[in-house]
Amino acid sequence: MSSGSPHLIAVRRPKVIHPPQAPVVAAVYDRAAEELLGLSGEIGKLNDYLDSSWIGRAKEVYDRDHAHVGVDMQAVSEALGAFATEIGAMTVTIYETVYMTPQGYIID
């Protein structure tokens, strides 16, 4: 359709879309969150084992410097899951040109 037609008016209008890459990126974040959550569970089990079998100065140092790692990993996992949700719901506005008659009808 020619934009030079005397009976048609070229109009740019916004169109909201979901970027096609968003689900792919969101899935990567989701998988990373699940893997990290699994690893944090393994570290939690290790901490439970050490709590029941390890005493003395070494345990105190470990608890002070490393016992929080599993909880930290769980927090990062939750953040990654939230990012995945955000990315999966992402939209962008693009603009497309449509042609309208002087009466306001859109011509496809």
C-alpha atoms as a PDB file:
ATOM      1  CA  MET A   1       0.000   0.000   0.000  1.00  0.00           C
ATOM      2  CA  SER A   2       1.458   3.346  -0.941  1.00  0.00           C
ATOM      3  CA  SER A   3       1.856   5.983   1.746  1.00  0.00           C
ATOM      4  CA  GLY A   4       1.511   8.548  -1.044  1.00  0.00           C
ATOM      5  CA  SER A   5      -2.134   7.633  -1.697  1.00  0.00           C
ATOM      6  CA  PRO A   6      -4.313  10.763  -1.389  1.00  0.00           C
ATOM      7  CA  HIS A   7      -7.039   8.835   0.430  1.00  0.00           C
ATOM      8  CA  LEU A   8      -4.942   7.172   3.117  1.00  0.00           C
ATOM      9  CA  ILE A   9      -3.086   8.588   6.109  1.00  0.00           C
ATOM     10  CA  ALA A  10       0.025   6.863   7.510  1.00  0.00           C
ATOM     11  CA  VAL A  11      -0.197   6.667  11.318  1.00  0.00           C
ATOM     12  CA  ARG A  12       2.388   5.279  13.757  1.00  0.00           C
ATOM     13  CA  ARG A  13       0.798   3.496  16.668  1.00  0.00           C
ATOM     14  CA  PRO A  14       2.245   1.743  19.689  1.00  0.00           C
ATOM     15  CA  LYS A  15       2.047  -2.014  20.045  1.00  0.00           C
ATOM     16  CA  VAL A  16       3.000  -3.835  23.269  1.00  0.00           C
ATOM     17  CA  ILE A  17       4.770  -7.158  22.745  1.00  0.00           C
ATOM     18  CA  HIS A  18       6.615  -9.783  24.773  1.00  0.00           C
ATOM     19  CA  PRO A  19      10.179 -10.002  23.416  1.00  0.00           C
ATOM     20  CA  PRO A  20      10.694 -13.483  21.958  1.00  0.00           C
ATOM     21  CA  GLN A  21      14.001 -13.808  23.852  1.00  0.00           C
ATOM     22  CA  ALA A  22      12.372 -13.237  27.266  1.00  0.00           C
ATOM     23  CA  PRO A  23      11.143 -16.821  27.880  1.00  0.00           C
ATOM     24  CA  VAL A  24      14.570 -18.234  26.963  1.00  0.00           C
ATOM     25  CA  VAL A  25      16.410 -15.870  29.309  1.00  0.00           C
ATOM     26  CA  ALA A  26      13.842 -16.424  32.076  1.00  0.00           C
ATOM     27  CA  ALA A  27      14.295 -20.196  31.776  1.00  0.00           C
ATOM     28  CA  VAL A  28      18.069 -19.836  32.251  1.00  0.00           C
ATOM     29  CA  TYR A  29      17.522 -17.790  35.420  1.00  0.00           C
ATOM     30  CA  ASP A  30      14.953 -20.338  36.626  1.00  0.00           C
ATOM     31  CA  ARG A  31      17.327 -23.261  36.098  1.00  0.00           C
ATOM     32  CA  ALA A  32      20.142 -21.422  37.888  1.00  0.00           C
ATOM     33  CA  ALA A  33      17.785 -20.717  40.808  1.00  0.00           C
ATOM     34  CA  GLU A  34      16.808 -24.390  41.048  1.00  0.00           C
ATOM     35  CA  GLU A  35      20.416 -25.585  40.888  1.00  0.00           C
ATOM     36  CA  LEU A  36      21.530 -23.098  43.515  1.00  0.00           C
ATOM     37  CA  LEU A  37      18.642 -24.071  45.778  1.00  0.00           C
ATOM     38  CA  GLY A  38      19.710 -27.714  45.507  1.00  0.00           C
ATOM     39  CA  LEU A  39      23.303 -26.846  46.350  1.00  0.00           C
ATOM     40  CA  SER A  40      22.227 -24.749  49.322  1.00  0.00           C
ATOM     41  CA  GLY A  41      20.293 -27.779  50.604  1.00  0.00           C
ATOM     42  CA  GLU A  42      23.423 -29.919  50.331  1.00  0.00           C
ATOM     43  CA  ILE A  43      25.395 -27.339  52.294  1.00  0.00           C
ATOM     44  CA  GLY A  44      22.613 -27.258  54.900  1.00  0.00           C
ATOM     45  CA  LYS A  45      22.912 -31.028  55.301  1.00  0.00           C
ATOM     46  CA  LEU A  46      26.678 -30.687  55.636  1.00  0.00           C
ATOM     47  CA  ASN A  47      26.210 -28.055  58.363  1.00  0.00           C
ATOM     48  CA  ASP A  48      23.776 -30.373  60.198  1.00  0.00           C
ATOM     49  CA  TYR A  49      26.310 -33.190  59.991  1.00  0.00           C
ATOM     50  CA  LEU A  50      29.111 -30.974  61.276  1.00  0.00           C
ATOM     51  CA  ASP A  51      26.924 -29.660  64.113  1.00  0.00           C
ATOM     52  CA  SER A  52      26.411 -33.189  65.376  1.00  0.00           C
ATOM     53  CA  SER A  53      29.967 -34.434  64.936  1.00  0.00           C
ATOM     54  CA  TRP A  54      32.390 -31.532  65.162  1.00  0.00           C
ATOM     55  CA  ILE A  55      33.433 -29.713  68.311  1.00  0.00           C
ATOM     56  CA  GLY A  56      36.144 -27.316  69.363  1.00  0.00           C
ATOM     57  CA  ARG A  57      37.926 -24.374  67.822  1.00  0.00           C
ATOM     58  CA  ALA A  58      37.710 -25.632  64.216  1.00  0.00           C
ATOM     59  CA  LYS A  59      33.913 -25.785  64.458  1.00  0.00           C
ATOM     60  CA  GLU A  60      33.771 -22.275  65.918  1.00  0.00           C
ATOM     61  CA  VAL A  61      35.875 -20.907  63.054  1.00  0.00           C
ATOM     62  CA  TYR A  62      33.818 -22.806  60.481  1.00  0.00           C
ATOM     63  CA  ASP A  63      30.544 -21.557  61.969  1.00  0.00           C
ATOM     64  CA  ARG A  64      31.786 -17.986  62.052  1.00  0.00           C
ATOM     65  CA  ASP A  65      33.221 -17.941  58.523  1.00  0.00           C
ATOM     66  CA  HIS A  66      31.226 -20.468  56.515  1.00  0.00           C
ATOM     67  CA  ALA A  67      27.999 -21.673  58.152  1.00  0.00           C
ATOM     68  CA  HIS A  68      26.007 -18.838  56.526  1.00  0.00           C
ATOM     69  CA  VAL A  69      26.911 -19.863  52.970  1.00  0.00           C
ATOM     70  CA  GLY A  70      23.889 -22.141  52.487  1.00  0.00           C
ATOM     71  CA  VAL A  71      21.489 -19.436  53.661  1.00  0.00           C
ATOM     72  CA  ASP A  72      23.209 -16.894  51.406  1.00  0.00           C
ATOM     73  CA  MET A  73      22.885 -19.265  48.445  1.00  0.00           C
ATOM     74  CA  GLN A  74      19.190 -19.730  49.198  1.00  0.00           C
ATOM     75  CA  ALA A  75      18.714 -15.940  49.164  1.00  0.00           C
ATOM     76  CA  VAL A  76      20.479 -15.667  45.798  1.00  0.00           C
ATOM     77  CA  SER A  77      18.336 -18.532  44.489  1.00  0.00           C
ATOM     78  CA  GLU A  78      15.185 -16.670  45.519  1.00  0.00           C
ATOM     79  CA  ALA A  79      16.453 -13.504  43.811  1.00  0.00           C
ATOM     80  CA  LEU A  80      17.186 -15.431  40.604  1.00  0.00           C
ATOM     81  CA  GLY A  81      13.672 -16.890  40.688  1.00  0.00           C
ATOM     82  CA  ALA A  82      12.213 -13.400  41.078  1.00  0.00           C
ATOM     83  CA  PHE A  83      14.339 -12.152  38.169  1.00  0.00           C
ATOM     84  CA  ALA A  84      13.072 -15.056  36.048  1.00  0.00           C
ATOM     85  CA  THR A  85       9.479 -14.068  36.797  1.00  0.00           C
ATOM     86  CA  GLU A  86      10.188 -10.413  35.968  1.00  0.00           C
ATOM     87  CA  ILE A  87      11.963 -11.253  32.728  1.00  0.00           C
ATOM     88  CA  GLY A  88       9.247 -13.707  31.675  1.00  0.00           C
ATOM     89  CA  ALA A  89       6.591 -11.007  32.122  1.00  0.00           C
ATOM     90  CA  MET A  90       8.626  -8.289  30.395  1.00  0.00           C
ATOM     91  CA  THR A  91       6.974  -6.258  27.665  1.00  0.00           C
ATOM     92  CA  VAL A  92       8.250  -3.616  25.295  1.00  0.00           C
ATOM     93  CA  THR A  93       6.465  -1.081  23.159  1.00  0.00           C
ATOM     94  CA  ILE A  94       7.219  -1.008  19.475  1.00  0.00           C
ATOM     95  CA  TYR A  95       5.673   1.268  16.905  1.00  0.00           C
ATOM     96  CA  GLU A  96       4.083   0.129  13.697  1.00  0.00           C
ATOM     97  CA  THR A  97       2.810   2.133  10.758  1.00  0.00           C
ATOM     98  CA  VAL A  98      -0.795   1.583   9.767  1.00  0.00           C
ATOM     99  CA  TYR A  99      -2.832   3.303   7.084  1.00  0.00           C
ATOM    100  CA  MET A 100      -6.132   4.931   7.864  1.00  0.00           C
ATOM    101  CA  THR A 101      -8.863   6.388   5.740  1.00  0.00           C
ATOM    102  CA  PRO A 102      -9.887   9.967   6.459  1.00  0.00           C
ATOM    103  CA  GLN A 103     -12.921   8.494   8.269  1.00  0.00           C
ATOM    104  CA  GLY A 104     -10.627   6.670  10.744  1.00  0.00           C
ATOM    105  CA  TYR A 105     -10.808   3.126   9.385  1.00  0.00           C
ATOM    106  CA  ILE A 106      -7.593   1.122   9.521  1.00  0.00           C
ATOM    107  CA  ILE A 107      -6.614  -0.583   6.291  1.00  0.00           C
ATOM    108  CA  ASP A 108      -4.709  -3.885   6.664  1.00  0.00           C
END
